[in-house]
Amino acid sequence: MTKKHCFIVLIGALMALTLVFALTGCGSGATTSDTTGTDTNSAGQSAGQSSDKLQINDLKVGSGAAVKSGDTVTVNYSGWLYVDGKKTTEFDSNVDSSFNHVQPFTTQIGVGQVIAGWDQGIVGMKVGGKRALTIPPSLGYGAQANGAIPANSTLYFEVELISIQ
C-alpha cells in the first residue's frame, strides 16, 4: 500500500471515530438500565421488554465508592404507586413531613431488610446520587397488601444516597 493510500485509510478511520463520538455524546446524560442491562426509555420502560423487571434511572450520579451488597446506607426517599406508566399516590417519604418521619433512613443493603427492589436497585449508587427505581410487584410486596400499598402493586421510588457506612 502506498503512503497516499495509507493516508486516505487513516483519514477515513478518523472520520468514522469522530462520527461515533458525536453520536454517543447525544442524549440527556441520565444513565438508565434494568437489572438485565437493557437500556430503558425516559418513562423507565425498556423497549420490547415487559414491566416485570426492576427499572433503574440515575437522575444524578454521585461520586466516590459505589454501594455493594452488604453495605449499610443512609438515604432520603419518597415512594409512589406506579400505574399506567406514571407515579400516582405517594405512600411513604422520609422528606415529606405529612408522613411523620423526616429523618434519613438507614438500612443494610442485600440482606433482606428492605424489599428486593431496593436490595438490587441501591447497589451501584454513589454518595450524592439520586436514583429512580420502578419496582415490579415480584420485587416489592407481591400479592401481599402493605398499609397503603395494594397487593400486586408496581412501586416507584426516588432515592438519594446520603452516606455509605
N, C-alpha and C. Protein backbone atom coordinates (compact mmCIF):
# COMPACT_ATOMS: atom_id res chain seq x y z
N MET A 1 0.85 -1.17 0.00
CA MET A 1 0.00 0.00 0.00
C MET A 1 0.89 1.23 0.00
N THR A 2 0.55 2.21 -0.83
CA THR A 2 1.37 3.41 -0.91
C THR A 2 1.06 4.33 0.25
N LYS A 3 1.91 5.32 0.45
CA LYS A 3 1.71 6.30 1.51
C LYS A 3 0.39 7.05 1.32
N LYS A 4 0.06 7.30 0.05
CA LYS A 4 -1.17 8.02 -0.25
C LYS A 4 -2.38 7.19 0.19
N HIS A 5 -2.39 5.90 -0.10
CA HIS A 5 -3.50 5.02 0.30
C HIS A 5 -3.58 4.91 1.82
N CYS A 6 -2.44 4.80 2.51
CA CYS A 6 -2.43 4.75 3.97
C CYS A 6 -3.03 6.01 4.55
N PHE A 7 -2.68 7.14 3.97
CA PHE A 7 -3.20 8.42 4.45
C PHE A 7 -4.72 8.48 4.28
N ILE A 8 -5.23 8.02 3.15
CA ILE A 8 -6.68 8.04 2.90
C ILE A 8 -7.40 7.11 3.88
N VAL A 9 -6.83 5.93 4.13
CA VAL A 9 -7.43 5.00 5.09
C VAL A 9 -7.44 5.62 6.49
N LEU A 10 -6.34 6.27 6.87
CA LEU A 10 -6.24 6.92 8.18
C LEU A 10 -7.28 8.02 8.32
N ILE A 11 -7.44 8.85 7.31
CA ILE A 11 -8.44 9.93 7.33
C ILE A 11 -9.84 9.33 7.46
N GLY A 12 -10.14 8.27 6.73
CA GLY A 12 -11.44 7.62 6.81
C GLY A 12 -11.71 7.08 8.21
N ALA A 13 -10.70 6.46 8.82
CA ALA A 13 -10.86 5.92 10.17
C ALA A 13 -11.10 7.04 11.18
N LEU A 14 -10.39 8.15 11.04
CA LEU A 14 -10.58 9.28 11.94
C LEU A 14 -11.99 9.87 11.79
N MET A 15 -12.49 9.94 10.57
CA MET A 15 -13.83 10.45 10.34
C MET A 15 -14.87 9.52 10.98
N ALA A 16 -14.67 8.22 10.87
CA ALA A 16 -15.59 7.25 11.47
C ALA A 16 -15.59 7.38 12.99
N LEU A 17 -14.40 7.52 13.58
CA LEU A 17 -14.31 7.69 15.03
C LEU A 17 -14.99 8.97 15.48
N THR A 18 -14.81 10.05 14.73
CA THR A 18 -15.46 11.32 15.06
C THR A 18 -16.97 11.17 15.05
N LEU A 19 -17.50 10.46 14.06
CA LEU A 19 -18.92 10.24 13.97
C LEU A 19 -19.43 9.42 15.17
N VAL A 20 -18.69 8.37 15.54
CA VAL A 20 -19.08 7.54 16.67
C VAL A 20 -19.11 8.37 17.95
N PHE A 21 -18.07 9.19 18.20
CA PHE A 21 -18.04 10.01 19.39
C PHE A 21 -19.17 11.04 19.39
N ALA A 22 -19.47 11.61 18.25
CA ALA A 22 -20.54 12.59 18.16
C ALA A 22 -21.89 11.95 18.47
N LEU A 23 -22.14 10.76 17.95
CA LEU A 23 -23.41 10.10 18.18
C LEU A 23 -23.57 9.62 19.61
N THR A 24 -22.51 9.14 20.24
CA THR A 24 -22.62 8.67 21.61
C THR A 24 -22.71 9.82 22.59
N GLY A 25 -22.38 11.01 22.21
CA GLY A 25 -22.48 12.17 23.08
C GLY A 25 -23.87 12.76 23.12
N CYS A 26 -24.77 12.31 22.25
CA CYS A 26 -26.13 12.84 22.22
C CYS A 26 -26.95 12.24 23.34
N GLY A 27 -28.03 12.94 23.74
CA GLY A 27 -28.95 12.42 24.75
C GLY A 27 -28.96 13.25 26.00
N SER A 28 -29.72 12.81 27.00
CA SER A 28 -29.95 13.57 28.22
C SER A 28 -28.82 13.44 29.23
N GLY A 29 -27.99 12.43 29.12
CA GLY A 29 -26.93 12.22 30.08
C GLY A 29 -27.35 11.36 31.26
N ALA A 30 -28.62 11.05 31.42
CA ALA A 30 -29.07 10.20 32.52
C ALA A 30 -28.81 8.74 32.16
N THR A 31 -28.27 8.01 33.11
CA THR A 31 -27.99 6.60 32.91
C THR A 31 -29.22 5.80 33.25
N THR A 32 -29.65 4.95 32.34
CA THR A 32 -30.82 4.12 32.62
C THR A 32 -30.53 2.69 32.24
N SER A 33 -31.03 1.78 33.06
CA SER A 33 -30.92 0.37 32.73
C SER A 33 -31.89 -0.39 33.60
N ASP A 34 -32.12 -1.64 33.22
CA ASP A 34 -32.86 -2.51 34.12
C ASP A 34 -31.87 -3.55 34.63
N THR A 35 -32.31 -4.44 35.46
CA THR A 35 -31.38 -5.39 36.06
C THR A 35 -30.85 -6.40 35.08
N THR A 36 -31.37 -6.40 33.85
CA THR A 36 -30.82 -7.28 32.83
C THR A 36 -29.81 -6.54 31.97
N GLY A 37 -29.59 -5.22 32.25
CA GLY A 37 -28.67 -4.42 31.47
C GLY A 37 -29.31 -3.82 30.25
N THR A 38 -30.62 -3.95 30.09
CA THR A 38 -31.32 -3.42 28.94
C THR A 38 -31.51 -1.92 29.10
N ASP A 39 -31.19 -1.13 28.07
CA ASP A 39 -31.43 0.30 28.15
C ASP A 39 -32.92 0.56 28.21
N THR A 40 -33.28 1.64 28.93
CA THR A 40 -34.69 1.97 29.08
C THR A 40 -34.95 3.36 28.53
N ASN A 41 -36.23 3.63 28.25
CA ASN A 41 -36.59 4.95 27.75
C ASN A 41 -36.83 5.90 28.91
N SER A 42 -37.21 7.16 28.60
CA SER A 42 -37.38 8.16 29.65
C SER A 42 -38.53 7.83 30.58
N ALA A 43 -39.45 6.99 30.17
CA ALA A 43 -40.55 6.57 31.05
C ALA A 43 -40.12 5.42 31.95
N GLY A 44 -38.88 4.95 31.80
CA GLY A 44 -38.38 3.87 32.64
C GLY A 44 -38.81 2.50 32.17
N GLN A 45 -39.28 2.39 30.94
CA GLN A 45 -39.70 1.09 30.43
C GLN A 45 -38.77 0.70 29.29
N SER A 46 -38.36 -0.55 29.29
CA SER A 46 -37.44 -1.00 28.25
C SER A 46 -38.20 -1.35 26.99
N ALA A 47 -37.61 -0.98 25.88
CA ALA A 47 -38.23 -1.28 24.59
C ALA A 47 -38.27 -2.78 24.40
N GLY A 48 -39.45 -3.31 24.11
CA GLY A 48 -39.60 -4.73 23.84
C GLY A 48 -39.56 -5.60 25.08
N GLN A 49 -39.53 -5.02 26.27
CA GLN A 49 -39.48 -5.79 27.50
C GLN A 49 -40.78 -5.61 28.26
N SER A 50 -41.16 -6.61 29.03
CA SER A 50 -42.33 -6.47 29.89
C SER A 50 -41.93 -5.66 31.11
N SER A 51 -42.92 -5.23 31.88
CA SER A 51 -42.65 -4.39 33.03
C SER A 51 -42.42 -5.21 34.29
N ASP A 52 -41.95 -6.45 34.15
CA ASP A 52 -41.70 -7.29 35.32
C ASP A 52 -40.24 -7.24 35.77
N LYS A 53 -39.49 -6.31 35.26
CA LYS A 53 -38.08 -6.14 35.62
C LYS A 53 -37.90 -4.85 36.40
N LEU A 54 -36.95 -4.83 37.29
CA LEU A 54 -36.58 -3.62 38.00
C LEU A 54 -36.02 -2.61 37.01
N GLN A 55 -36.54 -1.39 37.04
CA GLN A 55 -36.05 -0.33 36.18
C GLN A 55 -35.26 0.66 37.03
N ILE A 56 -34.05 0.99 36.60
CA ILE A 56 -33.17 1.90 37.33
C ILE A 56 -32.85 3.08 36.44
N ASN A 57 -33.04 4.29 36.98
CA ASN A 57 -32.72 5.51 36.24
C ASN A 57 -31.95 6.44 37.16
N ASP A 58 -30.67 6.65 36.87
CA ASP A 58 -29.87 7.58 37.66
C ASP A 58 -30.25 9.00 37.28
N LEU A 59 -30.92 9.69 38.19
CA LEU A 59 -31.31 11.08 37.97
C LEU A 59 -30.12 12.01 38.18
N LYS A 60 -29.24 11.62 39.10
CA LYS A 60 -27.99 12.35 39.38
C LYS A 60 -26.98 11.31 39.82
N VAL A 61 -25.82 11.29 39.19
CA VAL A 61 -24.77 10.34 39.56
C VAL A 61 -23.92 10.98 40.65
N GLY A 62 -23.71 10.24 41.73
CA GLY A 62 -22.90 10.74 42.83
C GLY A 62 -21.42 10.53 42.56
N SER A 63 -20.62 10.57 43.64
CA SER A 63 -19.18 10.41 43.48
C SER A 63 -18.64 9.50 44.58
N GLY A 64 -17.44 8.99 44.37
CA GLY A 64 -16.79 8.14 45.36
C GLY A 64 -17.12 6.67 45.14
N ALA A 65 -17.01 5.93 46.23
CA ALA A 65 -17.25 4.48 46.18
C ALA A 65 -18.72 4.18 45.92
N ALA A 66 -18.96 3.05 45.28
CA ALA A 66 -20.33 2.62 44.97
C ALA A 66 -20.81 1.65 46.05
N VAL A 67 -22.12 1.67 46.31
CA VAL A 67 -22.74 0.75 47.27
C VAL A 67 -22.57 -0.68 46.77
N LYS A 68 -22.19 -1.57 47.70
CA LYS A 68 -22.09 -3.00 47.42
C LYS A 68 -23.10 -3.72 48.31
N SER A 69 -23.50 -4.90 47.89
CA SER A 69 -24.37 -5.73 48.72
C SER A 69 -23.68 -5.96 50.06
N GLY A 70 -24.41 -5.77 51.15
CA GLY A 70 -23.85 -5.90 52.49
C GLY A 70 -23.53 -4.57 53.14
N ASP A 71 -23.43 -3.49 52.34
CA ASP A 71 -23.16 -2.16 52.90
C ASP A 71 -24.37 -1.64 53.65
N THR A 72 -24.11 -0.83 54.67
CA THR A 72 -25.16 -0.09 55.36
C THR A 72 -25.17 1.31 54.76
N VAL A 73 -26.37 1.77 54.38
CA VAL A 73 -26.52 3.06 53.72
C VAL A 73 -27.52 3.94 54.45
N THR A 74 -27.37 5.25 54.27
CA THR A 74 -28.35 6.21 54.76
C THR A 74 -28.87 6.96 53.54
N VAL A 75 -30.21 7.02 53.42
CA VAL A 75 -30.85 7.61 52.25
C VAL A 75 -32.01 8.52 52.64
N ASN A 76 -32.38 9.38 51.71
CA ASN A 76 -33.67 10.05 51.70
C ASN A 76 -34.46 9.40 50.58
N TYR A 77 -35.78 9.27 50.77
CA TYR A 77 -36.57 8.60 49.73
C TYR A 77 -38.02 9.07 49.76
N SER A 78 -38.69 8.88 48.65
CA SER A 78 -40.14 9.02 48.55
C SER A 78 -40.63 7.88 47.67
N GLY A 79 -41.81 7.34 47.99
CA GLY A 79 -42.36 6.22 47.24
C GLY A 79 -43.79 6.48 46.79
N TRP A 80 -44.07 6.10 45.56
CA TRP A 80 -45.39 6.27 44.96
C TRP A 80 -45.86 4.94 44.37
N LEU A 81 -47.16 4.79 44.23
CA LEU A 81 -47.69 3.71 43.41
C LEU A 81 -47.43 4.10 41.97
N TYR A 82 -47.22 3.11 41.11
CA TYR A 82 -46.89 3.35 39.70
C TYR A 82 -47.95 2.65 38.86
N VAL A 83 -48.79 3.47 38.21
CA VAL A 83 -49.94 2.94 37.48
C VAL A 83 -49.93 3.51 36.06
N ASP A 84 -50.08 2.64 35.07
CA ASP A 84 -50.13 3.05 33.66
C ASP A 84 -48.95 3.94 33.27
N GLY A 85 -47.75 3.57 33.75
CA GLY A 85 -46.54 4.29 33.36
C GLY A 85 -46.33 5.62 34.07
N LYS A 86 -47.10 5.87 35.15
CA LYS A 86 -46.97 7.15 35.87
C LYS A 86 -46.97 6.92 37.36
N LYS A 87 -46.17 7.73 38.08
CA LYS A 87 -46.26 7.68 39.53
C LYS A 87 -47.57 8.37 39.93
N THR A 88 -48.28 7.77 40.89
CA THR A 88 -49.59 8.29 41.27
C THR A 88 -49.59 8.65 42.76
N THR A 89 -50.18 7.85 43.59
CA THR A 89 -50.34 8.15 45.01
C THR A 89 -49.04 7.95 45.78
N GLU A 90 -48.59 9.00 46.46
CA GLU A 90 -47.41 8.87 47.32
C GLU A 90 -47.84 8.11 48.57
N PHE A 91 -47.11 7.03 48.92
CA PHE A 91 -47.47 6.23 50.07
C PHE A 91 -46.48 6.33 51.21
N ASP A 92 -45.28 6.86 50.96
CA ASP A 92 -44.29 7.00 52.03
C ASP A 92 -43.19 7.94 51.59
N SER A 93 -42.60 8.62 52.57
CA SER A 93 -41.48 9.52 52.30
C SER A 93 -40.83 9.88 53.63
N ASN A 94 -39.52 9.99 53.64
CA ASN A 94 -38.86 10.48 54.84
C ASN A 94 -38.49 11.96 54.68
N VAL A 95 -38.89 12.58 53.60
CA VAL A 95 -38.63 14.01 53.40
C VAL A 95 -39.92 14.82 53.35
N ASP A 96 -41.07 14.17 53.48
CA ASP A 96 -42.38 14.82 53.48
C ASP A 96 -42.94 14.74 54.90
N SER A 97 -43.09 15.88 55.55
CA SER A 97 -43.49 15.90 56.96
C SER A 97 -44.87 15.28 57.21
N SER A 98 -45.69 15.14 56.19
CA SER A 98 -47.02 14.55 56.38
C SER A 98 -46.93 13.06 56.74
N PHE A 99 -45.76 12.44 56.55
CA PHE A 99 -45.59 11.03 56.90
C PHE A 99 -44.95 10.85 58.28
N ASN A 100 -44.72 11.95 58.99
CA ASN A 100 -44.28 11.95 60.39
C ASN A 100 -42.94 11.25 60.66
N HIS A 101 -42.09 11.18 59.69
CA HIS A 101 -40.72 10.68 59.95
C HIS A 101 -39.77 11.33 58.95
N VAL A 102 -39.33 12.53 59.29
CA VAL A 102 -38.49 13.31 58.37
C VAL A 102 -37.02 13.23 58.76
N GLN A 103 -36.57 12.04 59.03
CA GLN A 103 -35.15 11.83 59.27
C GLN A 103 -34.63 10.83 58.25
N PRO A 104 -33.35 10.92 57.91
CA PRO A 104 -32.79 9.97 56.95
C PRO A 104 -33.00 8.52 57.41
N PHE A 105 -33.12 7.63 56.44
CA PHE A 105 -33.39 6.21 56.68
C PHE A 105 -32.10 5.43 56.49
N THR A 106 -31.75 4.60 57.47
CA THR A 106 -30.53 3.79 57.41
C THR A 106 -30.91 2.31 57.37
N THR A 107 -30.29 1.57 56.46
CA THR A 107 -30.55 0.14 56.32
C THR A 107 -29.34 -0.55 55.71
N GLN A 108 -29.29 -1.85 55.87
CA GLN A 108 -28.24 -2.65 55.23
C GLN A 108 -28.82 -3.19 53.92
N ILE A 109 -28.04 -3.09 52.86
CA ILE A 109 -28.49 -3.49 51.52
C ILE A 109 -28.03 -4.92 51.21
N GLY A 110 -28.95 -5.68 50.60
CA GLY A 110 -28.60 -7.02 50.13
C GLY A 110 -28.82 -8.13 51.13
N VAL A 111 -29.43 -7.81 52.27
CA VAL A 111 -29.62 -8.84 53.30
C VAL A 111 -31.10 -9.03 53.66
N GLY A 112 -32.01 -8.46 52.87
CA GLY A 112 -33.43 -8.66 53.09
C GLY A 112 -34.08 -7.75 54.12
N GLN A 113 -33.40 -6.67 54.54
CA GLN A 113 -34.01 -5.73 55.47
C GLN A 113 -35.06 -4.85 54.78
N VAL A 114 -34.94 -4.72 53.47
CA VAL A 114 -35.87 -3.92 52.67
C VAL A 114 -36.37 -4.80 51.53
N ILE A 115 -37.31 -4.28 50.74
CA ILE A 115 -37.82 -5.08 49.61
C ILE A 115 -36.69 -5.37 48.62
N ALA A 116 -36.85 -6.44 47.88
CA ALA A 116 -35.81 -6.89 46.94
C ALA A 116 -35.48 -5.82 45.90
N GLY A 117 -36.46 -5.02 45.50
CA GLY A 117 -36.21 -3.94 44.54
C GLY A 117 -35.21 -2.93 45.06
N TRP A 118 -35.24 -2.66 46.36
CA TRP A 118 -34.24 -1.77 46.97
C TRP A 118 -32.91 -2.50 47.08
N ASP A 119 -32.94 -3.76 47.54
CA ASP A 119 -31.68 -4.52 47.68
C ASP A 119 -30.92 -4.54 46.37
N GLN A 120 -31.62 -4.67 45.25
CA GLN A 120 -30.97 -4.69 43.94
C GLN A 120 -30.72 -3.29 43.39
N GLY A 121 -31.66 -2.38 43.59
CA GLY A 121 -31.62 -1.07 42.95
C GLY A 121 -30.70 -0.06 43.58
N ILE A 122 -30.34 -0.23 44.84
CA ILE A 122 -29.43 0.70 45.52
C ILE A 122 -27.97 0.36 45.22
N VAL A 123 -27.70 -0.92 44.95
CA VAL A 123 -26.33 -1.34 44.64
C VAL A 123 -25.81 -0.54 43.44
N GLY A 124 -24.61 -0.02 43.56
CA GLY A 124 -24.00 0.76 42.49
C GLY A 124 -24.15 2.26 42.65
N MET A 125 -25.04 2.71 43.53
CA MET A 125 -25.19 4.15 43.76
C MET A 125 -23.94 4.70 44.45
N LYS A 126 -23.69 5.99 44.22
CA LYS A 126 -22.58 6.69 44.87
C LYS A 126 -23.14 7.84 45.69
N VAL A 127 -22.43 8.22 46.75
CA VAL A 127 -22.89 9.27 47.65
C VAL A 127 -23.19 10.55 46.86
N GLY A 128 -24.34 11.14 47.17
CA GLY A 128 -24.79 12.34 46.47
C GLY A 128 -25.65 12.04 45.26
N GLY A 129 -25.73 10.76 44.88
CA GLY A 129 -26.53 10.37 43.72
C GLY A 129 -28.00 10.28 44.05
N LYS A 130 -28.82 10.43 43.02
CA LYS A 130 -30.27 10.27 43.16
C LYS A 130 -30.73 9.32 42.08
N ARG A 131 -31.54 8.35 42.46
CA ARG A 131 -31.93 7.29 41.55
C ARG A 131 -33.43 7.05 41.63
N ALA A 132 -34.05 6.83 40.46
CA ALA A 132 -35.45 6.42 40.40
C ALA A 132 -35.49 4.91 40.19
N LEU A 133 -36.30 4.24 40.98
CA LEU A 133 -36.48 2.80 40.89
C LEU A 133 -37.94 2.50 40.59
N THR A 134 -38.20 1.81 39.50
CA THR A 134 -39.55 1.33 39.21
C THR A 134 -39.51 -0.17 39.51
N ILE A 135 -40.26 -0.56 40.54
CA ILE A 135 -40.14 -1.89 41.12
C ILE A 135 -41.40 -2.70 40.83
N PRO A 136 -41.26 -3.81 40.11
CA PRO A 136 -42.44 -4.65 39.84
C PRO A 136 -42.90 -5.35 41.12
N PRO A 137 -44.14 -5.80 41.15
CA PRO A 137 -44.66 -6.47 42.35
C PRO A 137 -43.77 -7.61 42.85
N SER A 138 -43.17 -8.36 41.94
CA SER A 138 -42.34 -9.50 42.34
C SER A 138 -41.11 -9.10 43.15
N LEU A 139 -40.69 -7.84 43.04
CA LEU A 139 -39.54 -7.34 43.81
C LEU A 139 -39.97 -6.33 44.88
N GLY A 140 -41.31 -6.19 45.03
CA GLY A 140 -41.88 -5.30 46.04
C GLY A 140 -42.56 -6.13 47.10
N TYR A 141 -43.88 -5.94 47.24
CA TYR A 141 -44.63 -6.67 48.24
C TYR A 141 -45.45 -7.82 47.67
N GLY A 142 -45.39 -8.02 46.33
CA GLY A 142 -46.06 -9.15 45.70
C GLY A 142 -47.55 -9.15 45.94
N ALA A 143 -48.10 -10.30 46.25
CA ALA A 143 -49.54 -10.46 46.44
C ALA A 143 -50.01 -9.97 47.82
N GLN A 144 -49.08 -9.55 48.67
CA GLN A 144 -49.43 -9.03 50.00
C GLN A 144 -49.69 -7.53 49.92
N ALA A 145 -50.83 -7.08 50.43
CA ALA A 145 -51.04 -5.64 50.62
C ALA A 145 -50.17 -5.22 51.80
N ASN A 146 -49.71 -3.98 51.81
CA ASN A 146 -48.88 -3.47 52.90
C ASN A 146 -49.29 -2.04 53.18
N GLY A 147 -50.12 -1.82 54.18
CA GLY A 147 -50.59 -0.48 54.51
C GLY A 147 -51.34 0.12 53.34
N ALA A 148 -50.84 1.26 52.83
CA ALA A 148 -51.48 1.97 51.72
C ALA A 148 -51.14 1.36 50.36
N ILE A 149 -50.35 0.30 50.35
CA ILE A 149 -49.92 -0.32 49.10
C ILE A 149 -50.79 -1.55 48.82
N PRO A 150 -51.61 -1.50 47.76
CA PRO A 150 -52.44 -2.67 47.43
C PRO A 150 -51.57 -3.85 46.97
N ALA A 151 -52.12 -5.04 47.05
CA ALA A 151 -51.43 -6.23 46.55
C ALA A 151 -51.11 -6.07 45.07
N ASN A 152 -50.01 -6.67 44.64
CA ASN A 152 -49.57 -6.69 43.23
C ASN A 152 -49.34 -5.30 42.65
N SER A 153 -48.83 -4.39 43.48
CA SER A 153 -48.56 -3.02 43.02
C SER A 153 -47.15 -2.86 42.49
N THR A 154 -47.03 -2.11 41.40
CA THR A 154 -45.73 -1.65 40.93
C THR A 154 -45.44 -0.37 41.71
N LEU A 155 -44.21 -0.24 42.18
CA LEU A 155 -43.82 0.88 43.02
C LEU A 155 -42.78 1.74 42.31
N TYR A 156 -42.80 3.03 42.62
CA TYR A 156 -41.81 3.97 42.07
C TYR A 156 -41.19 4.72 43.24
N PHE A 157 -39.87 4.63 43.35
CA PHE A 157 -39.15 5.33 44.43
C PHE A 157 -38.12 6.28 43.83
N GLU A 158 -37.94 7.42 44.47
CA GLU A 158 -36.79 8.27 44.22
C GLU A 158 -35.96 8.21 45.49
N VAL A 159 -34.70 7.81 45.33
CA VAL A 159 -33.81 7.57 46.46
C VAL A 159 -32.55 8.41 46.27
N GLU A 160 -32.19 9.15 47.32
CA GLU A 160 -30.95 9.93 47.33
C GLU A 160 -30.00 9.33 48.35
N LEU A 161 -28.80 8.97 47.93
CA LEU A 161 -27.83 8.34 48.81
C LEU A 161 -27.05 9.42 49.58
N ILE A 162 -27.21 9.39 50.90
CA ILE A 162 -26.53 10.38 51.76
C ILE A 162 -25.15 9.86 52.17
N SER A 163 -25.09 8.59 52.59
CA SER A 163 -23.79 8.05 53.03
C SER A 163 -23.78 6.53 52.93
N ILE A 164 -22.56 6.00 52.91
CA ILE A 164 -22.30 4.56 53.00
C ILE A 164 -21.47 4.38 54.26
N GLN A 165 -21.94 3.54 55.19
CA GLN A 165 -21.20 3.33 56.43
C GLN A 165 -20.29 2.13 56.29
